[in-house]
N, C-alpha and C. Protein backbone atom coordinates (compact mmCIF):
# COMPACT_ATOMS: atom_id res chain seq x y z
N MET A 1 20.85 -5.54 -10.53
CA MET A 1 18.86 -5.39 -10.27
C MET A 1 18.75 -5.47 -11.75
N SER A 2 17.29 -5.69 -11.62
CA SER A 2 16.64 -5.75 -13.10
C SER A 2 15.46 -5.16 -12.55
N ALA A 3 14.85 -4.40 -13.82
CA ALA A 3 13.12 -3.56 -13.45
C ALA A 3 12.23 -4.34 -14.66
N PHE A 4 10.88 -4.55 -14.56
CA PHE A 4 9.49 -4.40 -15.65
C PHE A 4 8.50 -3.26 -15.29
N ILE A 5 8.52 -3.21 -16.47
CA ILE A 5 6.79 -2.57 -15.87
C ILE A 5 6.09 -3.62 -15.59
N MET A 6 5.30 -3.24 -14.88
CA MET A 6 4.36 -4.30 -14.39
C MET A 6 3.09 -4.57 -15.15
N ASN A 7 2.24 -5.55 -14.89
CA ASN A 7 1.14 -5.58 -15.46
C ASN A 7 -0.02 -4.42 -14.88
N ALA A 8 -1.30 -4.45 -15.65
CA ALA A 8 -1.70 -2.93 -15.22
C ALA A 8 -3.04 -3.49 -13.95
N GLU A 9 -3.18 -4.67 -14.14
CA GLU A 9 -4.32 -5.05 -12.77
C GLU A 9 -3.59 -5.06 -11.67
N PRO A 10 -2.27 -5.24 -11.27
CA PRO A 10 -1.31 -5.94 -10.06
C PRO A 10 -1.60 -4.28 -9.72
N ILE A 11 -1.18 -3.17 -10.75
CA ILE A 11 -0.90 -1.35 -10.20
C ILE A 11 -2.38 -0.52 -10.06
N ALA A 12 -3.37 -1.69 -10.13
CA ALA A 12 -4.59 -0.92 -9.82
C ALA A 12 -5.00 -1.66 -8.83
N LYS A 13 -4.98 -2.47 -8.00
CA LYS A 13 -4.50 -3.30 -7.04
C LYS A 13 -3.85 -2.09 -5.95
N ILE A 14 -2.91 -2.18 -6.22
CA ILE A 14 -2.04 -1.35 -5.13
C ILE A 14 -2.82 0.36 -5.28
N ALA A 15 -2.89 0.63 -6.49
CA ALA A 15 -4.46 2.43 -6.70
C ALA A 15 -5.33 2.40 -5.80
N THR A 16 -6.12 1.33 -5.70
CA THR A 16 -7.64 1.00 -5.09
C THR A 16 -7.13 1.06 -3.91
N TYR A 17 -6.46 0.32 -3.35
CA TYR A 17 -5.65 0.26 -2.00
C TYR A 17 -5.29 1.44 -1.46
N THR A 18 -4.62 2.42 -2.19
CA THR A 18 -4.03 3.39 -1.51
C THR A 18 -4.92 4.07 -1.38
N ALA A 19 -6.16 4.44 -2.48
CA ALA A 19 -6.58 5.48 -2.32
C ALA A 19 -7.62 5.50 -1.24
N ALA A 20 -8.72 4.18 -0.97
CA ALA A 20 -9.10 3.63 0.02
C ALA A 20 -8.46 3.58 1.36
N LEU A 21 -7.05 3.50 1.51
CA LEU A 21 -6.16 3.86 2.94
C LEU A 21 -6.27 5.19 3.34
N LEU A 22 -6.13 6.22 2.07
CA LEU A 22 -5.63 7.47 2.27
C LEU A 22 -6.88 8.41 2.31
N ASN A 23 -8.31 7.31 2.04
CA ASN A 23 -9.72 7.82 1.88
C ASN A 23 -10.44 8.25 3.33
N MET A 24 -10.05 6.74 3.64
CA MET A 24 -10.57 6.15 4.96
C MET A 24 -9.82 5.75 6.13
N GLY A 25 -8.78 5.76 6.45
CA GLY A 25 -7.63 5.39 6.82
C GLY A 25 -7.86 4.58 8.26
N TYR A 26 -7.34 4.81 9.26
CA TYR A 26 -7.63 3.86 10.65
C TYR A 26 -8.87 3.68 10.81
N ASN A 27 -10.01 4.15 10.73
CA ASN A 27 -10.86 3.75 10.82
C ASN A 27 -12.12 2.55 10.27
N PHE A 28 -11.23 2.26 9.08
CA PHE A 28 -11.57 1.32 8.00
C PHE A 28 -10.55 0.60 8.24
N PHE A 29 -9.52 0.58 8.22
CA PHE A 29 -8.15 -0.07 7.70
C PHE A 29 -7.63 -0.51 9.49
N GLY A 30 -7.50 0.04 10.43
CA GLY A 30 -7.38 -0.11 11.57
C GLY A 30 -5.68 0.42 11.61
N MET A 31 -4.92 0.96 10.64
CA MET A 31 -4.20 1.50 10.28
C MET A 31 -4.13 2.60 9.56
N SER A 32 -3.38 3.87 9.57
CA SER A 32 -2.71 4.91 9.01
C SER A 32 -2.20 4.81 7.89
N ALA A 33 -2.37 5.35 6.81
CA ALA A 33 -1.31 5.97 6.01
C ALA A 33 -0.36 6.80 6.33
N PRO A 34 0.92 6.57 5.82
CA PRO A 34 2.17 7.37 5.82
C PRO A 34 1.79 8.52 5.40
N GLU A 35 2.18 9.68 6.34
CA GLU A 35 2.16 10.99 6.23
C GLU A 35 2.85 11.71 4.56
N SER A 36 4.23 10.75 4.45
CA SER A 36 4.71 10.99 3.37
C SER A 36 3.86 10.63 2.07
N LEU A 37 2.99 9.78 2.31
CA LEU A 37 1.89 9.45 1.02
C LEU A 37 1.20 10.37 0.69
N HIS A 38 0.64 11.08 1.87
CA HIS A 38 -0.48 12.26 1.73
C HIS A 38 0.25 13.19 0.70
N HIS A 39 1.39 13.27 1.13
CA HIS A 39 2.38 14.53 0.20
C HIS A 39 2.48 13.87 -1.13
N ALA A 40 3.18 12.62 -0.72
CA ALA A 40 3.65 12.49 -2.35
C ALA A 40 2.20 12.60 -3.58
N LEU A 41 1.02 12.20 -2.89
CA LEU A 41 0.02 11.64 -4.18
C LEU A 41 -0.94 13.07 -4.04
N SER A 42 -0.38 13.90 -3.28
CA SER A 42 -1.51 15.07 -3.15
C SER A 42 -2.29 15.66 -4.31
N GLY A 43 -1.45 15.36 -5.40
CA GLY A 43 -1.85 15.83 -6.87
C GLY A 43 -2.57 14.68 -7.26
N CYS A 44 -3.20 13.63 -6.45
CA CYS A 44 -4.32 12.92 -7.22
C CYS A 44 -5.56 13.12 -6.21
N ARG A 45 -6.10 14.39 -6.08
CA ARG A 45 -7.15 14.61 -5.54
C ARG A 45 -8.35 14.87 -6.84
N ASP A 46 -9.51 14.14 -6.28
CA ASP A 46 -10.76 14.74 -7.16
C ASP A 46 -10.89 16.15 -6.88
N LYS A 47 -11.96 16.81 -7.46
CA LYS A 47 -12.91 18.20 -7.28
C LYS A 47 -13.40 18.11 -6.02
N TYR A 48 -13.80 16.95 -5.13
CA TYR A 48 -13.95 17.45 -3.77
C TYR A 48 -12.80 16.79 -2.68
N GLY A 49 -11.72 16.47 -3.07
CA GLY A 49 -10.83 16.59 -2.24
C GLY A 49 -10.64 14.95 -1.78
N TYR A 50 -11.13 14.57 -2.28
CA TYR A 50 -10.73 12.82 -2.21
C TYR A 50 -9.74 12.60 -3.05
N TYR A 51 -9.03 11.15 -2.75
CA TYR A 51 -8.17 10.60 -3.53
C TYR A 51 -8.44 9.92 -4.66
N SER A 52 -8.13 9.73 -5.65
CA SER A 52 -8.43 9.84 -6.95
C SER A 52 -7.81 7.75 -7.30
N ASP A 53 -8.57 6.79 -7.32
CA ASP A 53 -7.66 5.81 -7.50
C ASP A 53 -6.88 5.79 -8.95
N GLU A 54 -7.69 6.43 -9.78
CA GLU A 54 -7.31 6.36 -11.17
C GLU A 54 -6.01 7.23 -10.91
N LEU A 55 -6.20 8.44 -10.94
CA LEU A 55 -5.48 9.36 -10.57
C LEU A 55 -4.18 9.02 -9.74
N ILE A 56 -4.19 8.09 -8.72
CA ILE A 56 -2.92 7.38 -8.14
C ILE A 56 -2.59 6.21 -8.92
N TYR A 57 -3.17 5.38 -9.82
CA TYR A 57 -3.11 4.70 -10.70
C TYR A 57 -2.11 5.22 -12.19
N ASN A 58 -2.24 6.23 -12.36
CA ASN A 58 -1.12 6.82 -13.35
C ASN A 58 -0.28 6.98 -12.65
N ALA A 59 -0.39 8.07 -11.59
CA ALA A 59 0.79 7.84 -10.85
C ALA A 59 1.84 7.09 -10.29
N LEU A 60 1.41 6.04 -10.04
CA LEU A 60 1.99 4.78 -10.09
C LEU A 60 3.07 4.29 -11.22
N TYR A 61 1.90 4.06 -12.11
CA TYR A 61 2.76 3.76 -13.31
C TYR A 61 3.46 4.32 -14.10
N GLN A 62 3.25 5.86 -14.02
CA GLN A 62 4.43 6.50 -14.52
C GLN A 62 5.67 6.50 -13.67
N LEU A 63 5.32 6.06 -12.09
CA LEU A 63 6.75 5.97 -11.41
C LEU A 63 7.57 4.69 -11.92
N ASN A 64 6.82 3.71 -12.49
CA ASN A 64 7.75 2.25 -12.83
C ASN A 64 7.77 2.83 -14.30
N ILE A 65 7.51 3.30 -14.90
CA ILE A 65 7.57 3.73 -16.10
C ILE A 65 9.16 3.91 -16.49
N ASP A 66 8.96 5.04 -15.74
CA ASP A 66 10.43 6.44 -15.33
C ASP A 66 11.65 5.20 -14.55
N ALA A 67 11.33 4.16 -13.60
CA ALA A 67 12.24 3.66 -13.47
C ALA A 67 13.00 2.96 -14.59
N VAL A 68 12.36 1.80 -15.85
CA VAL A 68 12.77 1.13 -16.43
C VAL A 68 12.98 2.07 -17.38
N ASN A 69 12.54 2.98 -18.42
CA ASN A 69 12.81 4.28 -18.82
C ASN A 69 14.21 4.28 -18.55
N GLY A 70 14.74 5.17 -17.07
CA GLY A 70 15.89 5.24 -16.63
C GLY A 70 17.18 4.21 -16.95
N ARG A 71 16.56 2.91 -16.38
CA ARG A 71 17.57 1.63 -16.21
C ARG A 71 17.80 1.52 -18.00
N TYR A 72 17.25 1.05 -18.58
CA TYR A 72 17.50 0.75 -19.82
C TYR A 72 17.19 1.83 -20.90
N HIS A 73 17.52 2.92 -20.49
CA HIS A 73 17.09 3.75 -21.66
C HIS A 73 16.02 4.05 -22.81
N GLU A 74 14.91 3.57 -22.40
CA GLU A 74 13.70 3.10 -23.01
C GLU A 74 13.04 4.41 -23.38
N ASN A 75 11.75 4.59 -24.12
CA ASN A 75 10.79 5.55 -24.23
C ASN A 75 9.54 4.92 -23.73
N TYR A 76 9.17 4.47 -22.85
CA TYR A 76 8.02 4.28 -22.79
C TYR A 76 6.84 5.22 -22.14
N THR A 77 5.88 5.24 -22.70
CA THR A 77 5.21 6.44 -22.24
C THR A 77 4.14 5.68 -21.63
N LEU A 78 3.21 6.80 -20.46
CA LEU A 78 1.63 6.12 -20.03
C LEU A 78 0.64 5.72 -21.08
N ASP A 79 0.94 6.90 -22.16
CA ASP A 79 -0.46 6.50 -23.43
C ASP A 79 -0.12 5.31 -23.95
N SER A 80 0.80 4.87 -23.92
CA SER A 80 1.51 3.70 -24.34
C SER A 80 0.91 2.09 -23.57
N MET A 81 0.42 2.50 -22.45
CA MET A 81 0.14 1.54 -21.56
C MET A 81 -1.40 1.37 -21.21
N GLU A 82 -1.95 0.37 -20.55
CA GLU A 82 -3.18 -0.26 -20.19
C GLU A 82 -3.77 1.29 -19.80
N LYS A 83 -4.72 1.49 -19.80
CA LYS A 83 -5.67 2.65 -18.84
C LYS A 83 -6.26 1.82 -17.84
N TYR A 84 -6.50 2.45 -16.64
CA TYR A 84 -6.83 2.46 -15.91
C TYR A 84 -8.29 1.89 -15.60
N LYS A 85 -8.80 0.43 -14.87
CA LYS A 85 -9.43 -0.15 -14.65
C LYS A 85 -9.51 -0.57 -13.49
N PRO A 86 -11.16 -0.43 -12.87
CA PRO A 86 -10.53 -0.29 -10.97
C PRO A 86 -10.79 -2.02 -11.06
N VAL A 87 -9.55 -2.23 -9.81
CA VAL A 87 -10.15 -3.65 -9.22
C VAL A 87 -9.68 -3.30 -7.29
N THR A 88 -10.52 -3.75 -7.09
CA THR A 88 -10.70 -3.77 -5.70
C THR A 88 -9.76 -4.66 -5.11
N ALA A 89 -8.88 -4.90 -4.46
CA ALA A 89 -8.31 -6.31 -3.47
C ALA A 89 -8.08 -6.40 -2.00
N TYR A 90 -8.94 -5.66 -1.65
CA TYR A 90 -8.57 -5.35 -0.21
C TYR A 90 -10.57 -5.83 0.49
N LYS A 91 -10.17 -5.77 1.54
CA LYS A 91 -11.55 -5.34 2.65
C LYS A 91 -11.56 -5.19 3.73
N LYS A 92 -12.32 -4.60 4.62
CA LYS A 92 -12.80 -4.28 5.60
C LYS A 92 -11.73 -5.34 6.87
N PRO A 93 -10.95 -5.07 7.44
CA PRO A 93 -10.36 -6.38 8.39
C PRO A 93 -11.13 -6.19 9.68
N GLU A 94 -11.66 -7.37 10.01
CA GLU A 94 -12.08 -7.96 11.21
C GLU A 94 -10.76 -7.51 12.57
N TYR A 95 -11.80 -7.37 13.31
CA TYR A 95 -11.19 -7.22 14.76
C TYR A 95 -11.83 -7.52 15.79
N THR A 96 -10.49 -8.75 16.55
CA THR A 96 -11.14 -9.37 17.50
C THR A 96 -10.85 -9.46 18.78
N SER A 97 -11.85 -9.23 19.71
CA SER A 97 -10.49 -9.08 21.10
C SER A 97 -11.31 -10.01 22.18
N THR A 98 -11.51 -10.52 23.02
CA THR A 98 -11.85 -11.64 23.95
C THR A 98 -12.25 -10.72 25.15
N TYR A 99 -13.41 -11.06 25.76
CA TYR A 99 -14.02 -10.28 27.31
C TYR A 99 -13.93 -11.32 28.27
N ASN A 100 -13.43 -10.68 29.01
CA ASN A 100 -13.27 -11.58 30.46
C ASN A 100 -13.70 -11.28 31.56
N PRO A 101 -15.47 -12.16 31.84
CA PRO A 101 -16.13 -11.85 32.75
C PRO A 101 -15.61 -11.53 34.49
N GLU A 102 -14.37 -11.98 34.60
CA GLU A 102 -14.13 -11.46 35.94
C GLU A 102 -13.51 -10.73 36.00
N THR A 103 -12.59 -9.92 35.06
CA THR A 103 -12.16 -8.79 35.24
C THR A 103 -13.28 -7.62 34.54
N ARG A 104 -14.30 -7.92 33.87
CA ARG A 104 -15.39 -7.33 33.13
C ARG A 104 -14.14 -6.63 32.09
N ARG A 105 -13.32 -6.75 31.27
CA ARG A 105 -12.65 -6.13 30.16
C ARG A 105 -12.76 -7.04 29.51
N TYR A 106 -11.98 -6.09 28.41
CA TYR A 106 -11.77 -6.87 27.16
C TYR A 106 -10.17 -6.79 27.18
N ASN A 107 -10.08 -8.32 27.00
CA ASN A 107 -8.37 -8.19 26.60
C ASN A 107 -8.11 -8.09 25.41
N GLY A 108 -6.25 -7.49 25.22
CA GLY A 108 -6.08 -6.81 24.11
C GLY A 108 -6.77 -7.74 22.78
N GLY A 109 -7.32 -6.78 21.78
CA GLY A 109 -7.22 -7.55 20.80
C GLY A 109 -6.56 -7.49 19.33
N HIS A 110 -6.91 -7.81 18.37
CA HIS A 110 -6.40 -7.74 17.06
C HIS A 110 -6.94 -8.03 16.06
N HIS A 111 -6.39 -7.08 14.88
CA HIS A 111 -7.13 -7.64 13.76
C HIS A 111 -7.09 -9.07 13.05
N GLN A 112 -7.68 -9.34 12.63
CA GLN A 112 -7.57 -11.13 11.90
C GLN A 112 -6.31 -10.74 10.34
N ILE A 113 -5.48 -11.36 10.32
CA ILE A 113 -4.76 -11.06 9.13
C ILE A 113 -5.73 -12.02 8.24
N ASP A 114 -5.71 -11.50 7.08
CA ASP A 114 -6.24 -11.99 5.99
C ASP A 114 -5.80 -12.04 4.06
N LYS A 115 -5.57 -12.72 3.65
CA LYS A 115 -5.06 -13.63 2.63
C LYS A 115 -4.72 -12.15 1.41
N TRP A 116 -5.53 -11.36 1.69
CA TRP A 116 -5.57 -10.12 0.51
C TRP A 116 -4.25 -9.23 1.40
N MET A 117 -4.29 -8.96 3.00
CA MET A 117 -3.21 -8.53 3.49
C MET A 117 -1.46 -8.98 2.55
N LEU A 118 -1.50 -9.96 2.77
CA LEU A 118 -0.38 -10.79 2.40
C LEU A 118 -0.27 -10.30 1.12
N GLU A 119 -0.98 -10.77 0.07
CA GLU A 119 -1.17 -10.25 -1.23
C GLU A 119 -0.78 -9.17 -1.66
N MET A 120 -1.49 -7.95 -1.15
CA MET A 120 -1.16 -6.64 -1.62
C MET A 120 0.36 -6.40 -0.52
N SER A 121 1.08 -6.61 0.42
CA SER A 121 2.30 -7.01 0.94
C SER A 121 3.64 -7.48 -0.15
N LYS A 122 2.74 -8.52 -0.88
CA LYS A 122 3.62 -8.98 -2.04
C LYS A 122 3.78 -8.04 -3.04
N ARG A 123 2.49 -7.72 -3.33
CA ARG A 123 2.52 -6.82 -4.72
C ARG A 123 2.94 -5.28 -4.66
N LEU A 124 3.02 -4.84 -3.16
CA LEU A 124 3.84 -3.49 -3.04
C LEU A 124 5.28 -3.92 -3.11
N ALA A 125 5.62 -5.08 -2.69
CA ALA A 125 7.20 -5.75 -2.38
C ALA A 125 7.80 -5.22 -3.97
N CYS A 126 7.09 -6.11 -4.61
CA CYS A 126 7.56 -6.15 -6.13
C CYS A 126 7.55 -4.63 -7.22
N PHE A 127 6.40 -4.08 -6.85
CA PHE A 127 6.63 -3.00 -7.19
C PHE A 127 7.59 -1.82 -6.68
N CYS A 128 7.64 -2.01 -5.54
CA CYS A 128 8.89 -1.21 -5.03
C CYS A 128 10.25 -1.50 -5.58
N TYR A 129 10.23 -3.05 -5.71
CA TYR A 129 11.25 -3.84 -6.27
C TYR A 129 11.70 -2.93 -7.75
N GLN A 130 10.74 -3.01 -8.37
CA GLN A 130 10.54 -2.14 -9.93
C GLN A 130 11.03 -1.27 -9.73
N CYS A 131 10.77 -0.32 -9.13
CA CYS A 131 10.67 1.39 -8.80
C CYS A 131 12.03 1.79 -8.29
N ASP A 132 13.01 0.81 -7.86
CA ASP A 132 14.09 1.02 -7.13
C ASP A 132 15.32 1.23 -8.17
N GLU A 133 14.97 2.55 -8.86
CA GLU A 133 16.41 2.33 -9.65
C GLU A 133 16.69 3.40 -9.63
N ASP A 134 18.22 4.23 -10.18
CA ASP A 134 18.59 5.49 -9.53
C ASP A 134 17.77 6.76 -10.53
N ALA A 135 17.31 6.42 -11.22
CA ALA A 135 15.70 7.54 -11.98
C ALA A 135 14.80 7.69 -11.09
N THR A 136 14.99 7.15 -10.45
CA THR A 136 13.42 6.89 -9.16
C THR A 136 13.50 6.81 -7.99
N TYR A 137 14.88 6.37 -7.38
CA TYR A 137 14.68 6.12 -6.05
C TYR A 137 14.72 6.98 -4.78
N ASN A 138 14.75 8.29 -5.19
CA ASN A 138 14.97 9.45 -4.42
C ASN A 138 13.58 10.36 -4.54
N SER A 139 12.59 9.69 -5.38
CA SER A 139 11.48 10.69 -5.70
C SER A 139 10.20 10.03 -4.41
N GLU A 140 9.53 11.61 -4.30
CA GLU A 140 9.19 11.73 -3.06
C GLU A 140 7.93 10.41 -3.10
N LEU A 141 7.23 10.27 -4.34
CA LEU A 141 6.54 8.91 -4.13
C LEU A 141 7.26 7.76 -4.19
N PHE A 142 8.45 7.18 -4.96
CA PHE A 142 8.79 5.94 -4.21
C PHE A 142 9.27 5.56 -3.27
N VAL A 143 9.76 6.79 -2.53
CA VAL A 143 9.81 6.86 -0.64
C VAL A 143 8.73 6.64 -0.10
N ALA A 144 7.99 6.95 -0.56
CA ALA A 144 6.35 7.40 0.21
C ALA A 144 5.96 5.79 -0.17
N MET A 145 5.92 5.05 -0.84
CA MET A 145 5.48 3.63 -1.51
C MET A 145 6.31 2.84 -0.83
N GLN A 146 7.81 3.32 -0.69
CA GLN A 146 8.69 2.22 0.24
C GLN A 146 7.77 2.21 1.39
N GLU A 147 7.56 3.37 2.45
CA GLU A 147 7.03 3.49 3.52
C GLU A 147 5.72 2.80 3.73
N LEU A 148 4.84 3.04 2.88
CA LEU A 148 3.71 1.84 2.85
C LEU A 148 3.80 0.69 2.99
N GLU A 149 4.86 0.18 2.56
CA GLU A 149 4.76 -1.61 2.35
C GLU A 149 5.17 -1.71 3.96
N ARG A 150 6.12 -1.03 4.44
CA ARG A 150 6.40 -1.03 6.05
C ARG A 150 5.67 -1.01 6.86
N TYR A 151 4.72 0.50 6.38
CA TYR A 151 3.29 0.05 7.44
C TYR A 151 2.44 -1.04 7.05
N LEU A 152 2.38 -1.49 5.86
CA LEU A 152 1.51 -2.70 6.09
C LEU A 152 1.83 -4.00 6.48
N ASN A 153 3.37 -3.98 6.22
CA ASN A 153 3.90 -5.24 7.20
C ASN A 153 3.83 -5.09 8.23
N THR A 154 4.21 -4.06 8.84
CA THR A 154 4.45 -3.75 10.55
C THR A 154 2.84 -3.90 11.02
N PHE A 155 1.91 -3.75 10.15
CA PHE A 155 0.32 -3.87 10.76
C PHE A 155 0.09 -5.42 10.55
N ILE A 156 0.95 -5.78 9.21
CA ILE A 156 0.67 -7.51 9.58
C ILE A 156 0.94 -8.20 10.90
N VAL A 157 2.79 -7.57 10.94
CA VAL A 157 3.17 -8.71 12.30
C VAL A 157 2.31 -8.56 13.61
N HIS A 158 2.21 -7.38 13.56
CA HIS A 158 1.65 -6.80 15.22
C HIS A 158 0.41 -7.18 15.21
N ASN A 159 -0.36 -7.64 14.35
CA ASN A 159 -1.37 -8.40 14.44
C ASN A 159 -1.82 -9.78 14.22
N MET A 160 -0.39 -10.74 14.64
CA MET A 160 -0.55 -11.78 14.06
C MET A 160 -0.28 -12.41 15.87
N SER A 161 -0.91 -13.70 16.11
CA SER A 161 -1.40 -13.91 16.91
C SER A 161 0.01 -14.09 17.72
N ALA A 162 0.79 -14.91 16.87
CA ALA A 162 2.56 -15.12 17.44
C ALA A 162 2.97 -13.68 18.37
N TRP A 163 3.08 -12.85 17.65
CA TRP A 163 3.49 -11.85 17.81
C TRP A 163 2.96 -11.37 19.50
N ALA A 164 1.60 -11.24 19.35
CA ALA A 164 0.81 -10.72 20.39
C ALA A 164 0.86 -11.90 21.93
N ASN A 165 1.66 -13.15 21.13
CA ASN A 165 1.65 -13.88 22.51
C ASN A 165 2.90 -13.91 22.61
N ALA A 166 3.74 -12.99 22.37
CA ALA A 166 5.52 -12.84 22.94
C ALA A 166 5.33 -12.21 23.57
N LYS A 167 6.68 -12.29 24.82
CA LYS A 167 6.82 -11.34 26.25
C LYS A 167 7.26 -10.16 25.63
N TRP A 168 6.89 -9.08 26.11
CA TRP A 168 6.72 -7.56 26.15
C TRP A 168 8.62 -7.42 26.77
N GLY A 169 9.63 -6.59 26.11
CA GLY A 169 10.48 -6.78 26.41
C GLY A 169 11.53 -7.89 26.79
N GLU A 170 11.20 -8.93 26.29
CA GLU A 170 12.62 -10.23 26.14
C GLU A 170 13.61 -9.74 25.62
């Protein structure tokens, strides 16, 4: 494996998404954040108890730095990296369902898969790959970020029409 320190913008996009998911959760995104992520980022809350995207950005960047420093015996520091600039790379997923007038019920609905979800999935995959080093792979934050990646990927697959149309129990 190899590792590199990611650019600031993709880490900022992950941080703003992560903070929003932790703060708004299922009611906004249609999916919940893993409990491990709440624990790993519990120190990234503001004085009102909300998760801070800037503090999350710093924690994520530090994890990436620790992985690279551990692999290559470098001495990068968070202070030498680009400061946080918020970048929003998500929006509320649209939910659709169809109404059957004969049964007067809604048929199973699903969230629409949007391009931002696939981009976030790829961004998380890259981030987790860069942080999968001896110095960090057992860290609470790394494990939680891997779980977030799995949660998002499961959400995407379960909301695909091909998945919804596949037979249950086959």
